[in-house]
């Protein structure tokens, strides 16, 4: 199986996305803005930024949010769960992907991290 790598990080040993056959695996995305700085604010603001980052990484790999089949979410504060869900539902209004969500401290000073797996047949 051919593997394609997208968005290799210049400092941290990771890629934003890896396509393996028809599957696309994204590294955990946190709310870094386009300028590389962490976006502050509430859980809603940070979640929207994370989804912007996910959409951009999926686009590089030839996919979109419609192709997401599994998400894994880490929240630093369990009390943000309801507000997080309200934003999450806006991005997956119909047939949401399978999902796991846990509370845990993150490696950066953010409130949320999301990792996704997408399925999109590889171009011929």
PDB file of N, CA and C in Angstrom:
ATOM      1  N   UNK A   1       0.838  -1.163   0.000  1.00  0.00           N
ATOM      2  CA  UNK A   1       0.000   0.000   0.000  1.00  0.00           C
ATOM      3  C   UNK A   1       0.891   1.237   0.000  1.00  0.00           C
ATOM      4  N   UNK A   2       0.535   2.170  -0.853  1.00  0.00           N
ATOM      5  CA  UNK A   2       1.277   3.419  -0.941  1.00  0.00           C
ATOM      6  C   UNK A   2       0.829   4.362   0.174  1.00  0.00           C
ATOM      7  N   UNK A   3       1.785   5.053   0.780  1.00  0.00           N
ATOM      8  CA  UNK A   3       1.493   5.998   1.855  1.00  0.00           C
ATOM      9  C   UNK A   3       1.896   7.390   1.388  1.00  0.00           C
ATOM     10  N   UNK A   4       1.004   8.378   1.604  1.00  0.00           N
ATOM     11  CA  UNK A   4       1.290   9.777   1.301  1.00  0.00           C
ATOM     12  C   UNK A   4       1.253  10.562   2.605  1.00  0.00           C
ATOM     13  N   UNK A   5       2.177  11.490   2.741  1.00  0.00           N
ATOM     14  CA  UNK A   5       2.276  12.299   3.943  1.00  0.00           C
ATOM     15  C   UNK A   5       2.013  13.754   3.567  1.00  0.00           C
ATOM     16  N   UNK A   6       1.251  14.464   4.425  1.00  0.00           N
ATOM     17  CA  UNK A   6       0.886  15.855   4.169  1.00  0.00           C
ATOM     18  C   UNK A   6       1.227  16.697   5.392  1.00  0.00           C
ATOM     19  N   UNK A   7       1.753  17.891   5.180  1.00  0.00           N
ATOM     20  CA  UNK A   7       1.974  18.845   6.247  1.00  0.00           C
ATOM     21  C   UNK A   7       2.952  18.394   7.312  1.00  0.00           C
ATOM     22  N   UNK A   8       4.169  18.042   6.912  1.00  0.00           N
ATOM     23  CA  UNK A   8       5.185  17.642   7.886  1.00  0.00           C
ATOM     24  C   UNK A   8       5.545  18.856   8.739  1.00  0.00           C
ATOM     25  N   UNK A   9       5.469  18.683  10.044  1.00  0.00           N
ATOM     26  CA  UNK A   9       5.745  19.782  10.986  1.00  0.00           C
ATOM     27  C   UNK A   9       7.240  20.071  10.998  1.00  0.00           C
ATOM     28  N   UNK A  10       7.634  21.344  10.989  1.00  0.00           N
ATOM     29  CA  UNK A  10       9.059  21.673  10.924  1.00  0.00           C
ATOM     30  C   UNK A  10       9.838  21.419  12.216  1.00  0.00           C
ATOM     31  N   UNK A  11       9.142  21.306  13.356  1.00  0.00           N
ATOM     32  CA  UNK A  11       9.832  21.146  14.639  1.00  0.00           C
ATOM     33  C   UNK A  11       9.482  19.821  15.319  1.00  0.00           C
ATOM     34  N   UNK A  12       8.197  19.508  15.366  1.00  0.00           N
ATOM     35  CA  UNK A  12       7.717  18.302  16.037  1.00  0.00           C
ATOM     36  C   UNK A  12       7.688  17.151  15.028  1.00  0.00           C
ATOM     37  N   UNK A  13       8.108  15.945  15.419  1.00  0.00           N
ATOM     38  CA  UNK A  13       8.145  14.837  14.461  1.00  0.00           C
ATOM     39  C   UNK A  13       6.755  14.265  14.182  1.00  0.00           C
ATOM     40  N   UNK A  14       5.989  14.976  13.351  1.00  0.00           N
ATOM     41  CA  UNK A  14       4.661  14.498  12.974  1.00  0.00           C
ATOM     42  C   UNK A  14       4.258  15.085  11.641  1.00  0.00           C
ATOM     43  N   UNK A  15       3.263  14.459  11.044  1.00  0.00           N
ATOM     44  CA  UNK A  15       2.630  14.964   9.828  1.00  0.00           C
ATOM     45  C   UNK A  15       1.198  15.330  10.170  1.00  0.00           C
ATOM     46  N   UNK A  16       0.660  16.347   9.531  1.00  0.00           N
ATOM     47  CA  UNK A  16      -0.740  16.722   9.773  1.00  0.00           C
ATOM     48  C   UNK A  16      -1.677  15.607   9.354  1.00  0.00           C
ATOM     49  N   UNK A  17      -1.348  14.963   8.239  1.00  0.00           N
ATOM     50  CA  UNK A  17      -2.204  13.902   7.721  1.00  0.00           C
ATOM     51  C   UNK A  17      -1.363  12.871   6.991  1.00  0.00           C
ATOM     52  N   UNK A  18      -1.839  11.635   7.042  1.00  0.00           N
ATOM     53  CA  UNK A  18      -1.217  10.543   6.305  1.00  0.00           C
ATOM     54  C   UNK A  18      -2.330   9.772   5.608  1.00  0.00           C
ATOM     55  N   UNK A  19      -2.195   9.619   4.291  1.00  0.00           N
ATOM     56  CA  UNK A  19      -3.132   8.789   3.545  1.00  0.00           C
ATOM     57  C   UNK A  19      -2.512   7.406   3.413  1.00  0.00           C
ATOM     58  N   UNK A  20      -3.275   6.390   3.803  1.00  0.00           N
ATOM     59  CA  UNK A  20      -2.876   4.992   3.649  1.00  0.00           C
ATOM     60  C   UNK A  20      -4.015   4.305   2.906  1.00  0.00           C
ATOM     61  N   UNK A  21      -3.823   4.112   1.604  1.00  0.00           N
ATOM     62  CA  UNK A  21      -4.895   3.561   0.790  1.00  0.00           C
ATOM     63  C   UNK A  21      -6.050   4.541   0.724  1.00  0.00           C
ATOM     64  N   UNK A  22      -7.232   4.066   1.107  1.00  0.00           N
ATOM     65  CA  UNK A  22      -8.425   4.905   1.059  1.00  0.00           C
ATOM     66  C   UNK A  22      -8.687   5.631   2.379  1.00  0.00           C
ATOM     67  N   UNK A  23      -7.853   5.425   3.377  1.00  0.00           N
ATOM     68  CA  UNK A  23      -8.031   6.066   4.676  1.00  0.00           C
ATOM     69  C   UNK A  23      -7.063   7.228   4.855  1.00  0.00           C
ATOM     70  N   UNK A  24      -7.526   8.257   5.541  1.00  0.00           N
ATOM     71  CA  UNK A  24      -6.707   9.423   5.864  1.00  0.00           C
ATOM     72  C   UNK A  24      -6.732   9.575   7.377  1.00  0.00           C
ATOM     73  N   UNK A  25      -5.553   9.589   7.976  1.00  0.00           N
ATOM     74  CA  UNK A  25      -5.402   9.706   9.416  1.00  0.00           C
ATOM     75  C   UNK A  25      -4.825  11.075   9.731  1.00  0.00           C
ATOM     76  N   UNK A  26      -5.521  11.854  10.553  1.00  0.00           N
ATOM     77  CA  UNK A  26      -5.021  13.166  10.953  1.00  0.00           C
ATOM     78  C   UNK A  26      -4.424  13.089  12.341  1.00  0.00           C
ATOM     79  N   UNK A  27      -3.320  13.781  12.528  1.00  0.00           N
ATOM     80  CA  UNK A  27      -2.780  13.961  13.866  1.00  0.00           C
ATOM     81  C   UNK A  27      -3.764  14.809  14.659  1.00  0.00           C
ATOM     82  N   UNK A  28      -3.682  14.732  15.976  1.00  0.00           N
ATOM     83  CA  UNK A  28      -4.542  15.552  16.814  1.00  0.00           C
ATOM     84  C   UNK A  28      -4.359  17.023  16.480  1.00  0.00           C
ATOM     85  N   UNK A  29      -5.459  17.699  16.266  1.00  0.00           N
ATOM     86  CA  UNK A  29      -5.433  19.120  15.909  1.00  0.00           C
ATOM     87  C   UNK A  29      -5.846  19.948  17.125  1.00  0.00           C
ATOM     88  N   UNK A  30      -5.076  20.985  17.392  1.00  0.00           N
ATOM     89  CA  UNK A  30      -5.370  21.910  18.476  1.00  0.00           C
ATOM     90  C   UNK A  30      -5.622  23.287  17.868  1.00  0.00           C
ATOM     91  N   UNK A  31      -6.105  24.252  18.654  1.00  0.00           N
ATOM     92  CA  UNK A  31      -6.508  25.529  18.080  1.00  0.00           C
ATOM     93  C   UNK A  31      -5.375  26.506  17.784  1.00  0.00           C
ATOM     94  N   UNK A  32      -4.460  26.103  16.929  1.00  0.00           N
ATOM     95  CA  UNK A  32      -3.462  27.032  16.427  1.00  0.00           C
ATOM     96  C   UNK A  32      -4.059  27.765  15.235  1.00  0.00           C
ATOM     97  N   UNK A  33      -3.905  29.083  15.222  1.00  0.00           N
ATOM     98  CA  UNK A  33      -4.406  29.875  14.111  1.00  0.00           C
ATOM     99  C   UNK A  33      -3.468  29.801  12.924  1.00  0.00           C
ATOM    100  N   UNK A  34      -3.842  30.429  11.820  1.00  0.00           N
ATOM    101  CA  UNK A  34      -3.009  30.411  10.610  1.00  0.00           C
ATOM    102  C   UNK A  34      -1.610  30.972  10.829  1.00  0.00           C
ATOM    103  N   UNK A  35      -1.458  31.874  11.808  1.00  0.00           N
ATOM    104  CA  UNK A  35      -0.145  32.456  12.077  1.00  0.00           C
ATOM    105  C   UNK A  35       0.701  31.596  13.018  1.00  0.00           C
ATOM    106  N   UNK A  36       0.163  30.448  13.434  1.00  0.00           N
ATOM    107  CA  UNK A  36       0.918  29.527  14.278  1.00  0.00           C
ATOM    108  C   UNK A  36       0.800  29.781  15.767  1.00  0.00           C
ATOM    109  N   UNK A  37       0.001  30.776  16.152  1.00  0.00           N
ATOM    110  CA  UNK A  37      -0.184  31.031  17.580  1.00  0.00           C
ATOM    111  C   UNK A  37      -1.470  30.374  18.063  1.00  0.00           C
ATOM    112  N   UNK A  38      -1.476  30.030  19.328  1.00  0.00           N
ATOM    113  CA  UNK A  38      -2.627  29.390  19.933  1.00  0.00           C
ATOM    114  C   UNK A  38      -3.777  30.388  20.039  1.00  0.00           C
ATOM    115  N   UNK A  39      -4.939  30.000  19.553  1.00  0.00           N
ATOM    116  CA  UNK A  39      -6.130  30.833  19.628  1.00  0.00           C
ATOM    117  C   UNK A  39      -6.723  30.675  21.025  1.00  0.00           C
ATOM    118  N   UNK A  40      -6.878  31.784  21.713  1.00  0.00           N
ATOM    119  CA  UNK A  40      -7.461  31.741  23.048  1.00  0.00           C
ATOM    120  C   UNK A  40      -8.971  31.764  22.965  1.00  0.00           C
ATOM    121  N   UNK A  41      -9.589  32.013  24.091  1.00  0.00           N
ATOM    122  CA  UNK A  41     -11.036  32.126  24.106  1.00  0.00           C
ATOM    123  C   UNK A  41     -11.700  30.908  24.708  1.00  0.00           C
ATOM    124  N   UNK A  42     -13.008  30.883  24.560  1.00  0.00           N
ATOM    125  CA  UNK A  42     -13.813  29.823  25.161  1.00  0.00           C
ATOM    126  C   UNK A  42     -13.767  28.546  24.326  1.00  0.00           C
ATOM    127  N   UNK A  43     -14.427  27.521  24.826  1.00  0.00           N
ATOM    128  CA  UNK A  43     -14.407  26.214  24.151  1.00  0.00           C
ATOM    129  C   UNK A  43     -15.010  26.305  22.754  1.00  0.00           C
ATOM    130  N   UNK A  44     -16.009  27.153  22.573  1.00  0.00           N
ATOM    131  CA  UNK A  44     -16.624  27.282  21.252  1.00  0.00           C
ATOM    132  C   UNK A  44     -15.634  27.855  20.241  1.00  0.00           C
ATOM    133  N   UNK A  45     -14.941  28.909  20.618  1.00  0.00           N
ATOM    134  CA  UNK A  45     -13.961  29.540  19.725  1.00  0.00           C
ATOM    135  C   UNK A  45     -12.839  28.572  19.382  1.00  0.00           C
ATOM    136  N   UNK A  46     -12.316  27.885  20.389  1.00  0.00           N
ATOM    137  CA  UNK A  46     -11.222  26.952  20.142  1.00  0.00           C
ATOM    138  C   UNK A  46     -11.689  25.764  19.300  1.00  0.00           C
ATOM    139  N   UNK A  47     -12.891  25.277  19.531  1.00  0.00           N
ATOM    140  CA  UNK A  47     -13.400  24.139  18.755  1.00  0.00           C
ATOM    141  C   UNK A  47     -13.560  24.519  17.289  1.00  0.00           C
ATOM    142  N   UNK A  48     -14.066  25.702  17.022  1.00  0.00           N
ATOM    143  CA  UNK A  48     -14.201  26.153  15.620  1.00  0.00           C
ATOM    144  C   UNK A  48     -12.827  26.240  14.935  1.00  0.00           C
ATOM    145  N   UNK A  49     -11.820  26.740  15.656  1.00  0.00           N
ATOM    146  CA  UNK A  49     -10.480  26.813  15.075  1.00  0.00           C
ATOM    147  C   UNK A  49      -9.940  25.422  14.790  1.00  0.00           C
ATOM    148  N   UNK A  50     -10.171  24.493  15.699  1.00  0.00           N
ATOM    149  CA  UNK A  50      -9.720  23.117  15.475  1.00  0.00           C
ATOM    150  C   UNK A  50     -10.390  22.548  14.226  1.00  0.00           C
ATOM    151  N   UNK A  51     -11.679  22.780  14.059  1.00  0.00           N
ATOM    152  CA  UNK A  51     -12.354  22.267  12.857  1.00  0.00           C
ATOM    153  C   UNK A  51     -11.860  22.956  11.591  1.00  0.00           C
ATOM    154  N   UNK A  52     -11.493  24.236  11.666  1.00  0.00           N
ATOM    155  CA  UNK A  52     -10.869  24.889  10.510  1.00  0.00           C
ATOM    156  C   UNK A  52      -9.558  24.188  10.160  1.00  0.00           C
ATOM    157  N   UNK A  53      -8.777  23.828  11.177  1.00  0.00           N
ATOM    158  CA  UNK A  53      -7.503  23.136  10.957  1.00  0.00           C
ATOM    159  C   UNK A  53      -7.734  21.741  10.378  1.00  0.00           C
ATOM    160  N   UNK A  54      -8.745  21.053  10.886  1.00  0.00           N
ATOM    161  CA  UNK A  54      -9.065  19.714  10.378  1.00  0.00           C
ATOM    162  C   UNK A  54      -9.486  19.805   8.915  1.00  0.00           C
ATOM    163  N   UNK A  55     -10.362  20.740   8.597  1.00  0.00           N
ATOM    164  CA  UNK A  55     -10.823  20.887   7.213  1.00  0.00           C
ATOM    165  C   UNK A  55      -9.657  21.177   6.276  1.00  0.00           C
ATOM    166  N   UNK A  56      -8.718  22.023   6.712  1.00  0.00           N
ATOM    167  CA  UNK A  56      -7.556  22.349   5.872  1.00  0.00           C
ATOM    168  C   UNK A  56      -6.664  21.131   5.662  1.00  0.00           C
ATOM    169  N   UNK A  57      -6.425  20.350   6.714  1.00  0.00           N
ATOM    170  CA  UNK A  57      -5.583  19.157   6.590  1.00  0.00           C
ATOM    171  C   UNK A  57      -6.253  18.114   5.704  1.00  0.00           C
ATOM    172  N   UNK A  58      -7.564  17.951   5.849  1.00  0.00           N
ATOM    173  CA  UNK A  58      -8.287  17.000   4.997  1.00  0.00           C
ATOM    174  C   UNK A  58      -8.241  17.438   3.536  1.00  0.00           C
ATOM    175  N   UNK A  59      -8.379  18.727   3.303  1.00  0.00           N
ATOM    176  CA  UNK A  59      -8.336  19.236   1.927  1.00  0.00           C
ATOM    177  C   UNK A  59      -6.988  18.938   1.279  1.00  0.00           C
ATOM    178  N   UNK A  60      -5.899  19.109   2.026  1.00  0.00           N
ATOM    179  CA  UNK A  60      -4.565  18.779   1.497  1.00  0.00           C
ATOM    180  C   UNK A  60      -4.499  17.324   1.055  1.00  0.00           C
ATOM    181  N   UNK A  61      -5.218  16.464   1.768  1.00  0.00           N
ATOM    182  CA  UNK A  61      -5.193  15.031   1.476  1.00  0.00           C
ATOM    183  C   UNK A  61      -6.297  14.613   0.506  1.00  0.00           C
ATOM    184  N   UNK A  62      -7.048  15.587  -0.022  1.00  0.00           N
ATOM    185  CA  UNK A  62      -8.077  15.287  -1.010  1.00  0.00           C
ATOM    186  C   UNK A  62      -9.398  14.843  -0.424  1.00  0.00           C
ATOM    187  N   UNK A  63      -9.711  15.280   0.783  1.00  0.00           N
ATOM    188  CA  UNK A  63     -10.949  14.866   1.443  1.00  0.00           C
ATOM    189  C   UNK A  63     -11.609  16.082   2.092  1.00  0.00           C
ATOM    190  N   UNK A  64     -12.722  15.828   2.787  1.00  0.00           N
ATOM    191  CA  UNK A  64     -13.443  16.890   3.486  1.00  0.00           C
ATOM    192  C   UNK A  64     -14.056  16.323   4.763  1.00  0.00           C
ATOM    193  N   UNK A  65     -14.686  17.192   5.519  1.00  0.00           N
ATOM    194  CA  UNK A  65     -15.356  16.745   6.744  1.00  0.00           C
ATOM    195  C   UNK A  65     -16.425  15.696   6.460  1.00  0.00           C
ATOM    196  N   UNK A  66     -17.008  15.729   5.272  1.00  0.00           N
ATOM    197  CA  UNK A  66     -18.016  14.726   4.909  1.00  0.00           C
ATOM    198  C   UNK A  66     -17.437  13.315   4.864  1.00  0.00           C
ATOM    199  N   UNK A  67     -16.131  13.196   4.764  1.00  0.00           N
ATOM    200  CA  UNK A  67     -15.481  11.889   4.664  1.00  0.00           C
ATOM    201  C   UNK A  67     -15.041  11.332   6.024  1.00  0.00           C
ATOM    202  N   UNK A  68     -15.234  12.094   7.096  1.00  0.00           N
ATOM    203  CA  UNK A  68     -14.781  11.668   8.421  1.00  0.00           C
ATOM    204  C   UNK A  68     -15.646  10.518   8.928  1.00  0.00           C
ATOM    205  N   UNK A  69     -14.989   9.438   9.356  1.00  0.00           N
ATOM    206  CA  UNK A  69     -15.700   8.265   9.872  1.00  0.00           C
ATOM    207  C   UNK A  69     -15.486   8.048  11.365  1.00  0.00           C
ATOM    208  N   UNK A  70     -14.444   8.678  11.949  1.00  0.00           N
ATOM    209  CA  UNK A  70     -14.146   8.495  13.373  1.00  0.00           C
ATOM    210  C   UNK A  70     -13.454   9.732  13.903  1.00  0.00           C
ATOM    211  N   UNK A  71     -13.870  10.178  15.090  1.00  0.00           N
ATOM    212  CA  UNK A  71     -13.189  11.268  15.769  1.00  0.00           C
ATOM    213  C   UNK A  71     -12.805  10.816  17.177  1.00  0.00           C
ATOM    214  N   UNK A  72     -11.704  11.350  17.651  1.00  0.00           N
ATOM    215  CA  UNK A  72     -11.302  11.193  19.043  1.00  0.00           C
ATOM    216  C   UNK A  72     -11.070  12.588  19.577  1.00  0.00           C
ATOM    217  N   UNK A  73     -11.709  12.894  20.699  1.00  0.00           N
ATOM    218  CA  UNK A  73     -11.667  14.242  21.257  1.00  0.00           C
ATOM    219  C   UNK A  73     -11.123  14.194  22.670  1.00  0.00           C
ATOM    220  N   UNK A  74     -10.267  15.170  22.971  1.00  0.00           N
ATOM    221  CA  UNK A  74      -9.788  15.374  24.336  1.00  0.00           C
ATOM    222  C   UNK A  74     -10.226  16.758  24.771  1.00  0.00           C
ATOM    223  N   UNK A  75     -10.894  16.849  25.914  1.00  0.00           N
ATOM    224  CA  UNK A  75     -11.280  18.122  26.516  1.00  0.00           C
ATOM    225  C   UNK A  75     -10.548  18.261  27.845  1.00  0.00           C
ATOM    226  N   UNK A  76     -10.035  19.450  28.120  1.00  0.00           N
ATOM    227  CA  UNK A  76      -9.332  19.633  29.391  1.00  0.00           C
ATOM    228  C   UNK A  76     -10.298  19.845  30.548  1.00  0.00           C
ATOM    229  N   UNK A  77     -11.522  20.268  30.250  1.00  0.00           N
ATOM    230  CA  UNK A  77     -12.511  20.536  31.293  1.00  0.00           C
ATOM    231  C   UNK A  77     -13.812  19.826  30.950  1.00  0.00           C
ATOM    232  N   UNK A  78     -14.178  18.867  31.762  1.00  0.00           N
ATOM    233  CA  UNK A  78     -15.412  18.107  31.524  1.00  0.00           C
ATOM    234  C   UNK A  78     -16.639  19.005  31.498  1.00  0.00           C
ATOM    235  N   UNK A  79     -16.568  20.150  32.156  1.00  0.00           N
ATOM    236  CA  UNK A  79     -17.697  21.078  32.173  1.00  0.00           C
ATOM    237  C   UNK A  79     -17.933  21.730  30.807  1.00  0.00           C
ATOM    238  N   UNK A  80     -16.988  21.624  29.890  1.00  0.00           N
ATOM    239  CA  UNK A  80     -17.141  22.172  28.536  1.00  0.00           C
ATOM    240  C   UNK A  80     -17.880  21.223  27.593  1.00  0.00           C
ATOM    241  N   UNK A  81     -18.192  20.020  28.052  1.00  0.00           N
ATOM    242  CA  UNK A  81     -18.727  18.975  27.181  1.00  0.00           C
ATOM    243  C   UNK A  81     -19.995  19.409  26.435  1.00  0.00           C
ATOM    244  N   UNK A  82     -20.960  19.986  27.138  1.00  0.00           N
ATOM    245  CA  UNK A  82     -22.226  20.373  26.502  1.00  0.00           C
ATOM    246  C   UNK A  82     -21.989  21.460  25.463  1.00  0.00           C
ATOM    247  N   UNK A  83     -21.192  22.472  25.803  1.00  0.00           N
ATOM    248  CA  UNK A  83     -20.920  23.567  24.867  1.00  0.00           C
ATOM    249  C   UNK A  83     -20.096  23.070  23.677  1.00  0.00           C
ATOM    250  N   UNK A  84     -19.153  22.166  23.929  1.00  0.00           N
ATOM    251  CA  UNK A  84     -18.392  21.559  22.844  1.00  0.00           C
ATOM    252  C   UNK A  84     -19.337  20.825  21.889  1.00  0.00           C
ATOM    253  N   UNK A  85     -20.242  20.024  22.446  1.00  0.00           N
ATOM    254  CA  UNK A  85     -21.176  19.248  21.622  1.00  0.00           C
ATOM    255  C   UNK A  85     -22.021  20.136  20.718  1.00  0.00           C
ATOM    256  N   UNK A  86     -22.412  21.313  21.213  1.00  0.00           N
ATOM    257  CA  UNK A  86     -23.223  22.217  20.398  1.00  0.00           C
ATOM    258  C   UNK A  86     -22.459  22.646  19.145  1.00  0.00           C
ATOM    259  N   UNK A  87     -21.170  22.926  19.288  1.00  0.00           N
ATOM    260  CA  UNK A  87     -20.352  23.310  18.126  1.00  0.00           C
ATOM    261  C   UNK A  87     -20.103  22.086  17.246  1.00  0.00           C
ATOM    262  N   UNK A  88     -19.743  20.970  17.842  1.00  0.00           N
ATOM    263  CA  UNK A  88     -19.470  19.732  17.102  1.00  0.00           C
ATOM    264  C   UNK A  88     -20.649  19.383  16.197  1.00  0.00           C
ATOM    265  N   UNK A  89     -21.872  19.510  16.724  1.00  0.00           N
ATOM    266  CA  UNK A  89     -23.073  19.172  15.960  1.00  0.00           C
ATOM    267  C   UNK A  89     -23.232  20.053  14.714  1.00  0.00           C
ATOM    268  N   UNK A  90     -22.698  21.259  14.745  1.00  0.00           N
ATOM    269  CA  UNK A  90     -22.769  22.138  13.574  1.00  0.00           C
ATOM    270  C   UNK A  90     -21.905  21.604  12.431  1.00  0.00           C
ATOM    271  N   UNK A  91     -20.844  20.907  12.754  1.00  0.00           N
ATOM    272  CA  UNK A  91     -19.937  20.381  11.726  1.00  0.00           C
ATOM    273  C   UNK A  91     -20.364  19.006  11.227  1.00  0.00           C
ATOM    274  N   UNK A  92     -21.155  18.297  12.019  1.00  0.00           N
ATOM    275  CA  UNK A  92     -21.652  16.975  11.620  1.00  0.00           C
ATOM    276  C   UNK A  92     -23.163  16.919  11.872  1.00  0.00           C
ATOM    277  N   UNK A  93     -23.948  17.706  11.094  1.00  0.00           N
ATOM    278  CA  UNK A  93     -25.394  17.776  11.366  1.00  0.00           C
ATOM    279  C   UNK A  93     -26.162  16.505  10.992  1.00  0.00           C
ATOM    280  N   UNK A  94     -25.624  15.720  10.069  1.00  0.00           N
ATOM    281  CA  UNK A  94     -26.294  14.501   9.622  1.00  0.00           C
ATOM    282  C   UNK A  94     -25.300  13.352   9.649  1.00  0.00           C
ATOM    283  N   UNK A  95     -25.722  12.218  10.126  1.00  0.00           N
ATOM    284  CA  UNK A  95     -24.889  11.012  10.153  1.00  0.00           C
ATOM    285  C   UNK A  95     -23.494  11.299  10.718  1.00  0.00           C
ATOM    286  N   UNK A  96     -23.413  11.701  11.981  1.00  0.00           N
ATOM    287  CA  UNK A  96     -22.101  12.000  12.565  1.00  0.00           C
ATOM    288  C   UNK A  96     -21.220  10.758  12.610  1.00  0.00           C
ATOM    289  N   UNK A  97     -19.906  10.973  12.613  1.00  0.00           N
ATOM    290  CA  UNK A  97     -18.975   9.837  12.662  1.00  0.00           C
ATOM    291  C   UNK A  97     -18.990   9.174  14.040  1.00  0.00           C
ATOM    292  N   UNK A  98     -18.430   7.977  14.096  1.00  0.00           N
ATOM    293  CA  UNK A  98     -18.191   7.340  15.389  1.00  0.00           C
ATOM    294  C   UNK A  98     -17.253   8.244  16.167  1.00  0.00           C
ATOM    295  N   UNK A  99     -17.319   8.169  17.507  1.00  0.00           N
ATOM    296  CA  UNK A  99     -16.554   9.148  18.270  1.00  0.00           C
ATOM    297  C   UNK A  99     -16.223   8.639  19.666  1.00  0.00           C
ATOM    298  N   UNK A 100     -15.084   9.096  20.156  1.00  0.00           N
ATOM    299  CA  UNK A 100     -14.690   8.920  21.553  1.00  0.00           C
ATOM    300  C   UNK A 100     -14.373  10.305  22.090  1.00  0.00           C
ATOM    301  N   UNK A 101     -14.675  10.545  23.358  1.00  0.00           N
ATOM    302  CA  UNK A 101     -14.381  11.837  23.970  1.00  0.00           C
ATOM    303  C   UNK A 101     -13.949  11.592  25.405  1.00  0.00           C
ATOM    304  N   UNK A 102     -12.791  12.126  25.756  1.00  0.00           N
ATOM    305  CA  UNK A 102     -12.267  11.950  27.111  1.00  0.00           C
ATOM    306  C   UNK A 102     -11.809  13.287  27.681  1.00  0.00           C
ATOM    307  N   UNK A 103     -11.730  13.337  28.990  1.00  0.00           N
ATOM    308  CA  UNK A 103     -11.175  14.494  29.669  1.00  0.00           C
ATOM    309  C   UNK A 103      -9.737  14.198  30.045  1.00  0.00           C
ATOM    310  N   UNK A 104      -8.836  15.108  29.683  1.00  0.00           N
ATOM    311  CA  UNK A 104      -7.415  14.891  29.967  1.00  0.00           C
ATOM    312  C   UNK A 104      -6.654  16.195  29.779  1.00  0.00           C
ATOM    313  N   UNK A 105      -5.536  16.356  30.489  1.00  0.00           N
ATOM    314  CA  UNK A 105      -4.688  17.518  30.209  1.00  0.00           C
ATOM    315  C   UNK A 105      -4.041  17.349  28.832  1.00  0.00           C
ATOM    316  N   UNK A 106      -3.772  18.467  28.175  1.00  0.00           N
ATOM    317  CA  UNK A 106      -3.164  18.429  26.845  1.00  0.00           C
ATOM    318  C   UNK A 106      -1.707  18.861  26.925  1.00  0.00           C
ATOM    319  N   UNK A 107      -0.968  18.634  25.869  1.00  0.00           N
ATOM    320  CA  UNK A 107       0.449  18.985  25.816  1.00  0.00           C
ATOM    321  C   UNK A 107       0.659  20.473  25.541  1.00  0.00           C
ATOM    322  N   UNK A 108      -0.386  21.161  25.089  1.00  0.00           N
ATOM    323  CA  UNK A 108      -0.340  22.612  24.895  1.00  0.00           C
ATOM    324  C   UNK A 108      -1.456  23.227  25.735  1.00  0.00           C
ATOM    325  N   UNK A 109      -1.399  24.519  25.940  1.00  0.00           N
ATOM    326  CA  UNK A 109      -2.367  25.207  26.780  1.00  0.00           C
ATOM    327  C   UNK A 109      -3.639  25.505  25.991  1.00  0.00           C
ATOM    328  N   UNK A 110      -4.370  24.447  25.654  1.00  0.00           N
ATOM    329  CA  UNK A 110      -5.605  24.556  24.890  1.00  0.00           C
ATOM    330  C   UNK A 110      -6.702  23.788  25.626  1.00  0.00           C
ATOM    331  N   UNK A 111      -7.931  24.033  25.229  1.00  0.00           N
ATOM    332  CA  UNK A 111      -9.072  23.371  25.861  1.00  0.00           C
ATOM    333  C   UNK A 111      -9.534  22.124  25.131  1.00  0.00           C
ATOM    334  N   UNK A 112      -9.094  21.956  23.876  1.00  0.00           N
ATOM    335  CA  UNK A 112      -9.614  20.859  23.059  1.00  0.00           C
ATOM    336  C   UNK A 112      -8.562  20.396  22.050  1.00  0.00           C
ATOM    337  N   UNK A 113      -8.566  19.103  21.783  1.00  0.00           N
ATOM    338  CA  UNK A 113      -7.776  18.504  20.712  1.00  0.00           C
ATOM    339  C   UNK A 113      -8.659  17.462  20.048  1.00  0.00           C
ATOM    340  N   UNK A 114      -8.623  17.422  18.726  1.00  0.00           N
ATOM    341  CA  UNK A 114      -9.445  16.474  17.969  1.00  0.00           C
ATOM    342  C   UNK A 114      -8.589  15.777  16.925  1.00  0.00           C
ATOM    343  N   UNK A 115      -8.736  14.474  16.874  1.00  0.00           N
ATOM    344  CA  UNK A 115      -8.065  13.625  15.881  1.00  0.00           C
ATOM    345  C   UNK A 115      -9.158  12.978  15.043  1.00  0.00           C
ATOM    346  N   UNK A 116      -8.941  12.862  13.742  1.00  0.00           N
ATOM    347  CA  UNK A 116      -9.957  12.234  12.893  1.00  0.00           C
ATOM    348  C   UNK A 116      -9.346  11.189  11.969  1.00  0.00           C
ATOM    349  N   UNK A 117     -10.220  10.275  11.573  1.00  0.00           N
ATOM    350  CA  UNK A 117      -9.928   9.312  10.516  1.00  0.00           C
ATOM    351  C   UNK A 117     -11.000   9.522   9.458  1.00  0.00           C
ATOM    352  N   UNK A 118     -10.578   9.654   8.215  1.00  0.00           N
ATOM    353  CA  UNK A 118     -11.516   9.841   7.106  1.00  0.00           C
ATOM    354  C   UNK A 118     -11.343   8.699   6.110  1.00  0.00           C
ATOM    355  N   UNK A 119     -12.410   8.435   5.382  1.00  0.00           N
ATOM    356  CA  UNK A 119     -12.377   7.433   4.318  1.00  0.00           C
ATOM    357  C   UNK A 119     -12.761   8.134   3.018  1.00  0.00           C
ATOM    358  N   UNK A 120     -11.817   8.119   2.089  1.00  0.00           N
ATOM    359  CA  UNK A 120     -12.037   8.724   0.775  1.00  0.00           C
ATOM    360  C   UNK A 120     -11.218   7.907  -0.216  1.00  0.00           C
ATOM    361  N   UNK A 121     -11.891   7.219  -1.170  1.00  0.00           N
ATOM    362  CA  UNK A 121     -11.127   6.418  -2.131  1.00  0.00           C
ATOM    363  C   UNK A 121      -9.997   7.229  -2.753  1.00  0.00           C
ATOM    364  N   UNK A 122      -8.835   6.620  -2.790  1.00  0.00           N
ATOM    365  CA  UNK A 122      -7.654   7.270  -3.353  1.00  0.00           C
ATOM    366  C   UNK A 122      -7.850   7.518  -4.837  1.00  0.00           C
ATOM    367  N   UNK A 123      -7.337   8.647  -5.319  1.00  0.00           N
ATOM    368  CA  UNK A 123      -7.436   8.908  -6.763  1.00  0.00           C
ATOM    369  C   UNK A 123      -6.681   7.829  -7.546  1.00  0.00           C
ATOM    370  N   UNK A 124      -7.206   7.518  -8.677  1.00  0.00           N
ATOM    371  CA  UNK A 124      -6.569   6.472  -9.516  1.00  0.00           C
ATOM    372  C   UNK A 124      -5.353   6.983 -10.207  1.00  0.00           C
TER     373      UNK A 124
END
